[in-house]
C-alpha atoms as a PDB file:
ATOM      1  CA  UNK A   1      59.493 -17.085 -22.230  1.00  0.00           C
ATOM      2  CA  UNK A   2      60.211 -15.769 -25.737  1.00  0.00           C
ATOM      3  CA  UNK A   3      63.981 -16.150 -25.340  1.00  0.00           C
ATOM      4  CA  UNK A   4      63.534 -19.748 -24.333  1.00  0.00           C
ATOM      5  CA  UNK A   5      61.432 -20.410 -27.441  1.00  0.00           C
ATOM      6  CA  UNK A   6      64.039 -18.741 -29.677  1.00  0.00           C
ATOM      7  CA  UNK A   7      66.745 -21.015 -28.300  1.00  0.00           C
ATOM      8  CA  UNK A   8      64.796 -24.062 -29.511  1.00  0.00           C
ATOM      9  CA  UNK A   9      64.429 -22.795 -33.076  1.00  0.00           C
ATOM     10  CA  UNK A  10      67.134 -23.764 -35.554  1.00  0.00           C
ATOM     11  CA  UNK A  11      68.456 -20.782 -37.476  1.00  0.00           C
ATOM     12  CA  UNK A  12      68.340 -21.489 -41.209  1.00  0.00           C
ATOM     13  CA  UNK A  13      69.602 -18.946 -43.713  1.00  0.00           C
ATOM     14  CA  UNK A  14      67.412 -18.095 -46.681  1.00  0.00           C
ATOM     15  CA  UNK A  15      68.295 -20.373 -49.612  1.00  0.00           C
ATOM     16  CA  UNK A  16      70.291 -18.766 -52.383  1.00  0.00           C
ATOM     17  CA  UNK A  17      68.876 -18.527 -55.897  1.00  0.00           C
ATOM     18  CA  UNK A  18      71.270 -20.384 -58.174  1.00  0.00           C
ATOM     19  CA  UNK A  19      71.119 -21.125 -61.907  1.00  0.00           C
ATOM     20  CA  UNK A  20      71.445 -24.673 -63.227  1.00  0.00           C
ATOM     21  CA  UNK A  21      75.097 -24.070 -64.123  1.00  0.00           C
ATOM     22  CA  UNK A  22      75.846 -22.596 -60.676  1.00  0.00           C
ATOM     23  CA  UNK A  23      74.214 -25.619 -59.008  1.00  0.00           C
ATOM     24  CA  UNK A  24      76.327 -28.079 -60.997  1.00  0.00           C
ATOM     25  CA  UNK A  25      79.497 -26.046 -60.329  1.00  0.00           C
ATOM     26  CA  UNK A  26      78.693 -25.831 -56.600  1.00  0.00           C
ATOM     27  CA  UNK A  27      78.045 -29.576 -56.366  1.00  0.00           C
ATOM     28  CA  UNK A  28      81.340 -30.324 -58.124  1.00  0.00           C
ATOM     29  CA  UNK A  29      83.375 -27.953 -55.977  1.00  0.00           C
ATOM     30  CA  UNK A  30      81.933 -28.273 -52.461  1.00  0.00           C
ATOM     31  CA  UNK A  31      79.823 -31.435 -52.225  1.00  0.00           C
ATOM     32  CA  UNK A  32      81.360 -34.624 -50.823  1.00  0.00           C
ATOM     33  CA  UNK A  33      78.289 -36.854 -51.114  1.00  0.00           C
ATOM     34  CA  UNK A  34      74.706 -36.573 -52.383  1.00  0.00           C
ATOM     35  CA  UNK A  35      72.115 -39.124 -51.263  1.00  0.00           C
ATOM     36  CA  UNK A  36      68.567 -39.633 -52.512  1.00  0.00           C
ATOM     37  CA  UNK A  37      66.282 -40.867 -49.729  1.00  0.00           C
ATOM     38  CA  UNK A  38      63.335 -42.864 -51.048  1.00  0.00           C
ATOM     39  CA  UNK A  39      59.953 -42.021 -49.563  1.00  0.00           C
ATOM     40  CA  UNK A  40      58.487 -44.406 -47.009  1.00  0.00           C
ATOM     41  CA  UNK A  41      55.186 -44.360 -45.137  1.00  0.00           C
ATOM     42  CA  UNK A  42      56.952 -42.459 -42.309  1.00  0.00           C
ATOM     43  CA  UNK A  43      59.254 -40.205 -44.369  1.00  0.00           C
ATOM     44  CA  UNK A  44      58.514 -37.994 -47.371  1.00  0.00           C
ATOM     45  CA  UNK A  45      61.872 -38.613 -49.040  1.00  0.00           C
ATOM     46  CA  UNK A  46      64.181 -36.129 -50.682  1.00  0.00           C
ATOM     47  CA  UNK A  47      67.881 -35.358 -50.966  1.00  0.00           C
ATOM     48  CA  UNK A  48      70.654 -35.071 -48.393  1.00  0.00           C
ATOM     49  CA  UNK A  49      73.963 -33.370 -49.184  1.00  0.00           C
ATOM     50  CA  UNK A  50      77.176 -33.669 -47.205  1.00  0.00           C
ATOM     51  CA  UNK A  51      79.357 -30.694 -48.100  1.00  0.00           C
ATOM     52  CA  UNK A  52      82.424 -29.674 -46.086  1.00  0.00           C
ATOM     53  CA  UNK A  53      80.979 -30.872 -42.748  1.00  0.00           C
ATOM     54  CA  UNK A  54      77.558 -29.345 -43.490  1.00  0.00           C
ATOM     55  CA  UNK A  55      74.590 -31.732 -43.753  1.00  0.00           C
ATOM     56  CA  UNK A  56      71.542 -30.364 -45.579  1.00  0.00           C
ATOM     57  CA  UNK A  57      68.238 -32.006 -46.528  1.00  0.00           C
ATOM     58  CA  UNK A  58      65.291 -30.882 -48.641  1.00  0.00           C
ATOM     59  CA  UNK A  59      62.635 -32.317 -50.923  1.00  0.00           C
ATOM     60  CA  UNK A  60      64.368 -31.527 -54.246  1.00  0.00           C
ATOM     61  CA  UNK A  61      67.981 -31.466 -55.332  1.00  0.00           C
ATOM     62  CA  UNK A  62      67.694 -27.784 -56.338  1.00  0.00           C
ATOM     63  CA  UNK A  63      66.290 -26.790 -52.934  1.00  0.00           C
ATOM     64  CA  UNK A  64      68.944 -28.829 -51.138  1.00  0.00           C
ATOM     65  CA  UNK A  65      71.826 -27.265 -53.078  1.00  0.00           C
ATOM     66  CA  UNK A  66      70.487 -23.712 -52.675  1.00  0.00           C
ATOM     67  CA  UNK A  67      70.086 -24.207 -48.907  1.00  0.00           C
ATOM     68  CA  UNK A  68      73.498 -25.880 -48.572  1.00  0.00           C
ATOM     69  CA  UNK A  69      75.134 -23.006 -50.474  1.00  0.00           C
ATOM     70  CA  UNK A  70      73.487 -20.496 -48.131  1.00  0.00           C
ATOM     71  CA  UNK A  71      74.648 -22.438 -45.053  1.00  0.00           C
ATOM     72  CA  UNK A  72      78.183 -22.677 -46.467  1.00  0.00           C
ATOM     73  CA  UNK A  73      78.232 -18.940 -47.257  1.00  0.00           C
ATOM     74  CA  UNK A  74      77.058 -18.070 -43.733  1.00  0.00           C
ATOM     75  CA  UNK A  75      79.594 -20.407 -42.099  1.00  0.00           C
ATOM     76  CA  UNK A  76      82.459 -18.897 -44.119  1.00  0.00           C
ATOM     77  CA  UNK A  77      81.754 -15.186 -43.639  1.00  0.00           C
END
């Protein structure tokens, strides 16, 4: 039963810790599109990044970039 449960869980790498300068550099180099999603009664809102075929969403731009950078790093090992 445990294996079945593990197959339903999305693997997410731990977000990287980036400085402000590293975030701006990463956005400029890897990010194709950044979208701010306004909150609605059904959705909390936040940011979505589209970077080299990787879609990442989080509540803040910093959290979104750090998670996207971690996903990109894992995909390009």
